[in-house]
């Protein structure tokens, strides 16, 4: 699982086949979620973003169905 350099995210993993993004967030509770229908380009853009947390909040958080795992 890729560790990311982010104040908000600690780990992300993308499955292109199912188009799901698994994300673990920093904080006391370290919650993890699966986001659905994330495109390969969105994942690529997230990983290339200077601020991964800001990019995630702007493009994935409220735009994709998710569930806590």
PDB file of N, CA and C in Angstrom:
ATOM      1  N   UNK A   1       0.849  -1.159   0.000  1.00  0.00           N
ATOM      2  CA  UNK A   1       0.000   0.000   0.000  1.00  0.00           C
ATOM      3  C   UNK A   1       0.902   1.231   0.000  1.00  0.00           C
ATOM      4  N   UNK A   2       0.759   2.105  -0.961  1.00  0.00           N
ATOM      5  CA  UNK A   2       1.637   3.268  -1.023  1.00  0.00           C
ATOM      6  C   UNK A   2       1.429   4.221   0.151  1.00  0.00           C
ATOM      7  N   UNK A   3       2.517   4.530   0.821  1.00  0.00           N
ATOM      8  CA  UNK A   3       2.512   5.576   1.840  1.00  0.00           C
ATOM      9  C   UNK A   3       2.591   6.892   1.088  1.00  0.00           C
ATOM     10  N   UNK A   4       1.778   7.852   1.484  1.00  0.00           N
ATOM     11  CA  UNK A   4       1.782   9.129   0.782  1.00  0.00           C
ATOM     12  C   UNK A   4       2.281  10.232   1.698  1.00  0.00           C
ATOM     13  N   UNK A   5       2.896  11.224   1.100  1.00  0.00           N
ATOM     14  CA  UNK A   5       3.384  12.388   1.821  1.00  0.00           C
ATOM     15  C   UNK A   5       2.251  13.396   1.889  1.00  0.00           C
ATOM     16  N   UNK A   6       1.468  13.294   2.961  1.00  0.00           N
ATOM     17  CA  UNK A   6       0.286  14.128   3.085  1.00  0.00           C
ATOM     18  C   UNK A   6      -0.034  14.334   4.561  1.00  0.00           C
ATOM     19  N   UNK A   7      -0.533  15.510   4.892  1.00  0.00           N
ATOM     20  CA  UNK A   7      -0.979  15.758   6.258  1.00  0.00           C
ATOM     21  C   UNK A   7      -2.322  15.095   6.535  1.00  0.00           C
ATOM     22  N   UNK A   8      -3.090  14.795   5.502  1.00  0.00           N
ATOM     23  CA  UNK A   8      -4.426  14.226   5.668  1.00  0.00           C
ATOM     24  C   UNK A   8      -4.463  12.712   5.447  1.00  0.00           C
ATOM     25  N   UNK A   9      -3.753  12.240   4.450  1.00  0.00           N
ATOM     26  CA  UNK A   9      -3.783  10.821   4.076  1.00  0.00           C
ATOM     27  C   UNK A   9      -2.505  10.128   4.522  1.00  0.00           C
ATOM     28  N   UNK A  10      -2.650   8.881   5.009  1.00  0.00           N
ATOM     29  CA  UNK A  10      -1.440   8.134   5.349  1.00  0.00           C
ATOM     30  C   UNK A  10      -1.156   7.032   4.336  1.00  0.00           C
ATOM     31  N   UNK A  11      -2.199   6.408   3.800  1.00  0.00           N
ATOM     32  CA  UNK A  11      -2.032   5.336   2.811  1.00  0.00           C
ATOM     33  C   UNK A  11      -3.122   5.441   1.760  1.00  0.00           C
ATOM     34  N   UNK A  12      -2.802   5.065   0.536  1.00  0.00           N
ATOM     35  CA  UNK A  12      -3.810   4.885  -0.507  1.00  0.00           C
ATOM     36  C   UNK A  12      -3.442   3.663  -1.342  1.00  0.00           C
ATOM     37  N   UNK A  13      -4.449   3.032  -1.858  1.00  0.00           N
ATOM     38  CA  UNK A  13      -4.243   1.921  -2.781  1.00  0.00           C
ATOM     39  C   UNK A  13      -5.365   2.009  -3.811  1.00  0.00           C
ATOM     40  N   UNK A  14      -5.024   1.795  -5.064  1.00  0.00           N
ATOM     41  CA  UNK A  14      -6.006   1.884  -6.142  1.00  0.00           C
ATOM     42  C   UNK A  14      -6.093   0.553  -6.863  1.00  0.00           C
ATOM     43  N   UNK A  15      -7.319   0.122  -7.140  1.00  0.00           N
ATOM     44  CA  UNK A  15      -7.561  -1.088  -7.919  1.00  0.00           C
ATOM     45  C   UNK A  15      -8.230  -0.656  -9.220  1.00  0.00           C
ATOM     46  N   UNK A  16      -7.461  -0.666 -10.300  1.00  0.00           N
ATOM     47  CA  UNK A  16      -7.972  -0.205 -11.590  1.00  0.00           C
ATOM     48  C   UNK A  16      -9.085  -1.103 -12.111  1.00  0.00           C
ATOM     49  N   UNK A  17      -9.003  -2.373 -11.805  1.00  0.00           N
ATOM     50  CA  UNK A  17     -10.020  -3.308 -12.299  1.00  0.00           C
ATOM     51  C   UNK A  17     -11.404  -2.993 -11.730  1.00  0.00           C
ATOM     52  N   UNK A  18     -11.454  -2.736 -10.424  1.00  0.00           N
ATOM     53  CA  UNK A  18     -12.746  -2.426  -9.794  1.00  0.00           C
ATOM     54  C   UNK A  18     -12.993  -0.920  -9.681  1.00  0.00           C
ATOM     55  N   UNK A  19     -11.972  -0.129 -10.051  1.00  0.00           N
ATOM     56  CA  UNK A  19     -12.059   1.334  -9.989  1.00  0.00           C
ATOM     57  C   UNK A  19     -12.375   1.817  -8.574  1.00  0.00           C
ATOM     58  N   UNK A  20     -11.694   1.212  -7.597  1.00  0.00           N
ATOM     59  CA  UNK A  20     -11.885   1.606  -6.207  1.00  0.00           C
ATOM     60  C   UNK A  20     -10.586   2.148  -5.624  1.00  0.00           C
ATOM     61  N   UNK A  21     -10.743   3.138  -4.776  1.00  0.00           N
ATOM     62  CA  UNK A  21      -9.625   3.748  -4.082  1.00  0.00           C
ATOM     63  C   UNK A  21      -9.805   3.478  -2.595  1.00  0.00           C
ATOM     64  N   UNK A  22      -8.805   2.845  -1.986  1.00  0.00           N
ATOM     65  CA  UNK A  22      -8.781   2.609  -0.551  1.00  0.00           C
ATOM     66  C   UNK A  22      -7.921   3.701   0.061  1.00  0.00           C
ATOM     67  N   UNK A  23      -8.450   4.411   1.043  1.00  0.00           N
ATOM     68  CA  UNK A  23      -7.708   5.513   1.653  1.00  0.00           C
ATOM     69  C   UNK A  23      -7.782   5.422   3.170  1.00  0.00           C
ATOM     70  N   UNK A  24      -6.623   5.584   3.810  1.00  0.00           N
ATOM     71  CA  UNK A  24      -6.547   5.664   5.264  1.00  0.00           C
ATOM     72  C   UNK A  24      -6.113   7.079   5.623  1.00  0.00           C
ATOM     73  N   UNK A  25      -6.868   7.680   6.538  1.00  0.00           N
ATOM     74  CA  UNK A  25      -6.629   9.060   6.924  1.00  0.00           C
ATOM     75  C   UNK A  25      -5.871   9.136   8.236  1.00  0.00           C
ATOM     76  N   UNK A  26      -5.044  10.154   8.342  1.00  0.00           N
ATOM     77  CA  UNK A  26      -4.285  10.395   9.571  1.00  0.00           C
ATOM     78  C   UNK A  26      -5.239  10.891  10.660  1.00  0.00           C
ATOM     79  N   UNK A  27      -4.783  10.803  11.858  1.00  0.00           N
ATOM     80  CA  UNK A  27      -5.574  11.281  12.987  1.00  0.00           C
ATOM     81  C   UNK A  27      -5.597  10.225  14.074  1.00  0.00           C
ATOM     82  N   UNK A  28      -6.214  10.562  15.166  1.00  0.00           N
ATOM     83  CA  UNK A  28      -6.243   9.631  16.294  1.00  0.00           C
ATOM     84  C   UNK A  28      -6.930   8.318  15.952  1.00  0.00           C
ATOM     85  N   UNK A  29      -7.974   8.359  15.145  1.00  0.00           N
ATOM     86  CA  UNK A  29      -8.735   7.149  14.851  1.00  0.00           C
ATOM     87  C   UNK A  29      -8.313   6.445  13.563  1.00  0.00           C
ATOM     88  N   UNK A  30      -7.510   7.086  12.736  1.00  0.00           N
ATOM     89  CA  UNK A  30      -6.992   6.483  11.499  1.00  0.00           C
ATOM     90  C   UNK A  30      -8.079   5.706  10.747  1.00  0.00           C
ATOM     91  N   UNK A  31      -9.085   6.368  10.324  1.00  0.00           N
ATOM     92  CA  UNK A  31     -10.199   5.720   9.620  1.00  0.00           C
ATOM     93  C   UNK A  31      -9.837   5.422   8.171  1.00  0.00           C
ATOM     94  N   UNK A  32     -10.421   4.317   7.670  1.00  0.00           N
ATOM     95  CA  UNK A  32     -10.184   3.889   6.286  1.00  0.00           C
ATOM     96  C   UNK A  32     -11.507   3.792   5.548  1.00  0.00           C
ATOM     97  N   UNK A  33     -11.458   4.166   4.263  1.00  0.00           N
ATOM     98  CA  UNK A  33     -12.651   4.181   3.420  1.00  0.00           C
ATOM     99  C   UNK A  33     -12.307   3.605   2.052  1.00  0.00           C
ATOM    100  N   UNK A  34     -13.335   3.100   1.391  1.00  0.00           N
ATOM    101  CA  UNK A  34     -13.237   2.696  -0.010  1.00  0.00           C
ATOM    102  C   UNK A  34     -14.139   3.619  -0.814  1.00  0.00           C
ATOM    103  N   UNK A  35     -13.553   4.248  -1.835  1.00  0.00           N
ATOM    104  CA  UNK A  35     -14.288   5.140  -2.741  1.00  0.00           C
ATOM    105  C   UNK A  35     -14.465   4.423  -4.063  1.00  0.00           C
ATOM    106  N   UNK A  36     -15.670   4.466  -4.604  1.00  0.00           N
ATOM    107  CA  UNK A  36     -16.021   3.743  -5.824  1.00  0.00           C
ATOM    108  C   UNK A  36     -15.991   4.663  -7.042  1.00  0.00           C
ATOM    109  N   UNK A  37     -15.859   4.027  -8.200  1.00  0.00           N
ATOM    110  CA  UNK A  37     -15.913   4.721  -9.496  1.00  0.00           C
ATOM    111  C   UNK A  37     -14.838   5.793  -9.651  1.00  0.00           C
ATOM    112  N   UNK A  38     -13.673   5.551  -9.082  1.00  0.00           N
ATOM    113  CA  UNK A  38     -12.542   6.465  -9.234  1.00  0.00           C
ATOM    114  C   UNK A  38     -11.797   6.061 -10.507  1.00  0.00           C
ATOM    115  N   UNK A  39     -11.597   6.994 -11.398  1.00  0.00           N
ATOM    116  CA  UNK A  39     -10.943   6.681 -12.672  1.00  0.00           C
ATOM    117  C   UNK A  39      -9.431   6.555 -12.487  1.00  0.00           C
ATOM    118  N   UNK A  40      -8.780   5.825 -13.390  1.00  0.00           N
ATOM    119  CA  UNK A  40      -7.315   5.770 -13.331  1.00  0.00           C
ATOM    120  C   UNK A  40      -6.673   7.155 -13.409  1.00  0.00           C
ATOM    121  N   UNK A  41      -7.259   8.057 -14.188  1.00  0.00           N
ATOM    122  CA  UNK A  41      -6.707   9.409 -14.287  1.00  0.00           C
ATOM    123  C   UNK A  41      -6.838  10.158 -12.968  1.00  0.00           C
ATOM    124  N   UNK A  42      -7.960   9.988 -12.278  1.00  0.00           N
ATOM    125  CA  UNK A  42      -8.121  10.638 -10.977  1.00  0.00           C
ATOM    126  C   UNK A  42      -7.059  10.136  -9.995  1.00  0.00           C
ATOM    127  N   UNK A  43      -6.808   8.837  -9.996  1.00  0.00           N
ATOM    128  CA  UNK A  43      -5.779   8.288  -9.115  1.00  0.00           C
ATOM    129  C   UNK A  43      -4.407   8.858  -9.479  1.00  0.00           C
ATOM    130  N   UNK A  44      -4.109   8.904 -10.758  1.00  0.00           N
ATOM    131  CA  UNK A  44      -2.830   9.450 -11.216  1.00  0.00           C
ATOM    132  C   UNK A  44      -2.689  10.916 -10.793  1.00  0.00           C
ATOM    133  N   UNK A  45      -3.758  11.686 -10.961  1.00  0.00           N
ATOM    134  CA  UNK A  45      -3.735  13.101 -10.584  1.00  0.00           C
ATOM    135  C   UNK A  45      -3.572  13.265  -9.074  1.00  0.00           C
ATOM    136  N   UNK A  46      -4.233  12.419  -8.300  1.00  0.00           N
ATOM    137  CA  UNK A  46      -4.091  12.454  -6.848  1.00  0.00           C
ATOM    138  C   UNK A  46      -2.641  12.224  -6.440  1.00  0.00           C
ATOM    139  N   UNK A  47      -2.033  11.202  -7.002  1.00  0.00           N
ATOM    140  CA  UNK A  47      -0.672  10.858  -6.629  1.00  0.00           C
ATOM    141  C   UNK A  47       0.340  11.913  -7.082  1.00  0.00           C
ATOM    142  N   UNK A  48      -0.008  12.682  -8.120  1.00  0.00           N
ATOM    143  CA  UNK A  48       0.887  13.719  -8.629  1.00  0.00           C
ATOM    144  C   UNK A  48       0.669  15.072  -7.949  1.00  0.00           C
ATOM    145  N   UNK A  49      -0.426  15.207  -7.222  1.00  0.00           N
ATOM    146  CA  UNK A  49      -0.768  16.497  -6.620  1.00  0.00           C
ATOM    147  C   UNK A  49       0.242  16.910  -5.551  1.00  0.00           C
ATOM    148  N   UNK A  50       0.535  18.182  -5.522  1.00  0.00           N
ATOM    149  CA  UNK A  50       1.431  18.706  -4.488  1.00  0.00           C
ATOM    150  C   UNK A  50       0.792  18.554  -3.107  1.00  0.00           C
ATOM    151  N   UNK A  51      -0.506  18.873  -3.014  1.00  0.00           N
ATOM    152  CA  UNK A  51      -1.253  18.676  -1.777  1.00  0.00           C
ATOM    153  C   UNK A  51      -2.299  17.589  -2.024  1.00  0.00           C
ATOM    154  N   UNK A  52      -1.963  16.381  -1.640  1.00  0.00           N
ATOM    155  CA  UNK A  52      -2.858  15.254  -1.881  1.00  0.00           C
ATOM    156  C   UNK A  52      -4.176  15.387  -1.115  1.00  0.00           C
ATOM    157  N   UNK A  53      -4.111  15.892   0.106  1.00  0.00           N
ATOM    158  CA  UNK A  53      -5.329  16.081   0.886  1.00  0.00           C
ATOM    159  C   UNK A  53      -6.270  17.088   0.245  1.00  0.00           C
ATOM    160  N   UNK A  54      -5.736  18.206  -0.205  1.00  0.00           N
ATOM    161  CA  UNK A  54      -6.567  19.224  -0.858  1.00  0.00           C
ATOM    162  C   UNK A  54      -7.144  18.696  -2.166  1.00  0.00           C
ATOM    163  N   UNK A  55      -6.326  17.972  -2.946  1.00  0.00           N
ATOM    164  CA  UNK A  55      -6.811  17.425  -4.209  1.00  0.00           C
ATOM    165  C   UNK A  55      -7.904  16.390  -3.943  1.00  0.00           C
ATOM    166  N   UNK A  56      -7.678  15.523  -2.969  1.00  0.00           N
ATOM    167  CA  UNK A  56      -8.669  14.513  -2.603  1.00  0.00           C
ATOM    168  C   UNK A  56      -9.991  15.180  -2.214  1.00  0.00           C
ATOM    169  N   UNK A  57      -9.921  16.198  -1.353  1.00  0.00           N
ATOM    170  CA  UNK A  57     -11.142  16.880  -0.916  1.00  0.00           C
ATOM    171  C   UNK A  57     -11.875  17.551  -2.067  1.00  0.00           C
ATOM    172  N   UNK A  58     -11.149  18.090  -3.011  1.00  0.00           N
ATOM    173  CA  UNK A  58     -11.772  18.799  -4.130  1.00  0.00           C
ATOM    174  C   UNK A  58     -12.344  17.879  -5.196  1.00  0.00           C
ATOM    175  N   UNK A  59     -11.758  16.680  -5.365  1.00  0.00           N
ATOM    176  CA  UNK A  59     -12.122  15.851  -6.513  1.00  0.00           C
ATOM    177  C   UNK A  59     -12.707  14.479  -6.196  1.00  0.00           C
ATOM    178  N   UNK A  60     -12.512  13.981  -5.002  1.00  0.00           N
ATOM    179  CA  UNK A  60     -12.976  12.619  -4.703  1.00  0.00           C
ATOM    180  C   UNK A  60     -13.964  12.590  -3.546  1.00  0.00           C
ATOM    181  N   UNK A  61     -13.652  13.263  -2.462  1.00  0.00           N
ATOM    182  CA  UNK A  61     -14.422  13.135  -1.217  1.00  0.00           C
ATOM    183  C   UNK A  61     -15.927  13.231  -1.416  1.00  0.00           C
ATOM    184  N   UNK A  62     -16.410  14.263  -2.034  1.00  0.00           N
ATOM    185  CA  UNK A  62     -17.857  14.457  -2.197  1.00  0.00           C
ATOM    186  C   UNK A  62     -18.365  14.063  -3.570  1.00  0.00           C
ATOM    187  N   UNK A  63     -17.507  13.463  -4.393  1.00  0.00           N
ATOM    188  CA  UNK A  63     -17.888  13.137  -5.767  1.00  0.00           C
ATOM    189  C   UNK A  63     -18.067  11.646  -6.030  1.00  0.00           C
ATOM    190  N   UNK A  64     -17.707  10.813  -5.049  1.00  0.00           N
ATOM    191  CA  UNK A  64     -17.746   9.373  -5.260  1.00  0.00           C
ATOM    192  C   UNK A  64     -18.424   8.674  -4.094  1.00  0.00           C
ATOM    193  N   UNK A  65     -19.216   7.634  -4.397  1.00  0.00           N
ATOM    194  CA  UNK A  65     -19.796   6.843  -3.294  1.00  0.00           C
ATOM    195  C   UNK A  65     -18.674   6.220  -2.482  1.00  0.00           C
ATOM    196  N   UNK A  66     -18.891   6.082  -1.173  1.00  0.00           N
ATOM    197  CA  UNK A  66     -17.848   5.512  -0.321  1.00  0.00           C
ATOM    198  C   UNK A  66     -18.471   4.736   0.821  1.00  0.00           C
ATOM    199  N   UNK A  67     -17.627   3.943   1.479  1.00  0.00           N
ATOM    200  CA  UNK A  67     -18.027   3.232   2.691  1.00  0.00           C
ATOM    201  C   UNK A  67     -16.809   3.103   3.598  1.00  0.00           C
ATOM    202  N   UNK A  68     -17.061   3.144   4.880  1.00  0.00           N
ATOM    203  CA  UNK A  68     -15.970   2.963   5.831  1.00  0.00           C
ATOM    204  C   UNK A  68     -15.673   1.475   5.969  1.00  0.00           C
ATOM    205  N   UNK A  69     -14.399   1.153   6.081  1.00  0.00           N
ATOM    206  CA  UNK A  69     -13.991  -0.261   6.257  1.00  0.00           C
ATOM    207  C   UNK A  69     -13.157  -0.400   7.511  1.00  0.00           C
TER     208      UNK A  69
END
